[in-house]
Every structure is written in structure tokens, then in C-alpha cells.
């Protein structure tokens, strides 16, 4: 994780474990969502700028790595 990146624990904020169903990346940088960790470790699914992936049924994010 770079020094300009922040990991957000979605479980801690009440959005993990399948509660988050979609997301939109309004940043100019790609964000990464992680299904199996709350600390942004492992394989992340990229969310590119302006994209709104739908996680229903196939992906249950528990953390997201955001670059500033």
C-alpha cells in the first residue's frame, strides 16, 4: 500500500459482509475493493474512474483501497 493510499474497512463502517451492492469511483485514480479482508490485503477488484460495478451475487467487498 503506497503512502498516498488509504484502506477503508467497510465492515467497521457497517457496509461489509454483503451490504455494499454497488459503488462509483469519482476519483481520478483506480480504487480496489477486497472481498476477503478488512485491511486491503490479497487480490483487489479494480474500480476504474467513473465506473459503477454491480456486486450483487458475485462479490461481497469488505474493504476498499483509495489513492489520493
Foldseek 3Di string as FASTA:
>chain_A
DDPQKDKAFCVVVPCFDQNDFKDAAQDQAKKWFDAPDRGPDDDTDIHHHGHIDTPPPPGTTGMMMGGD
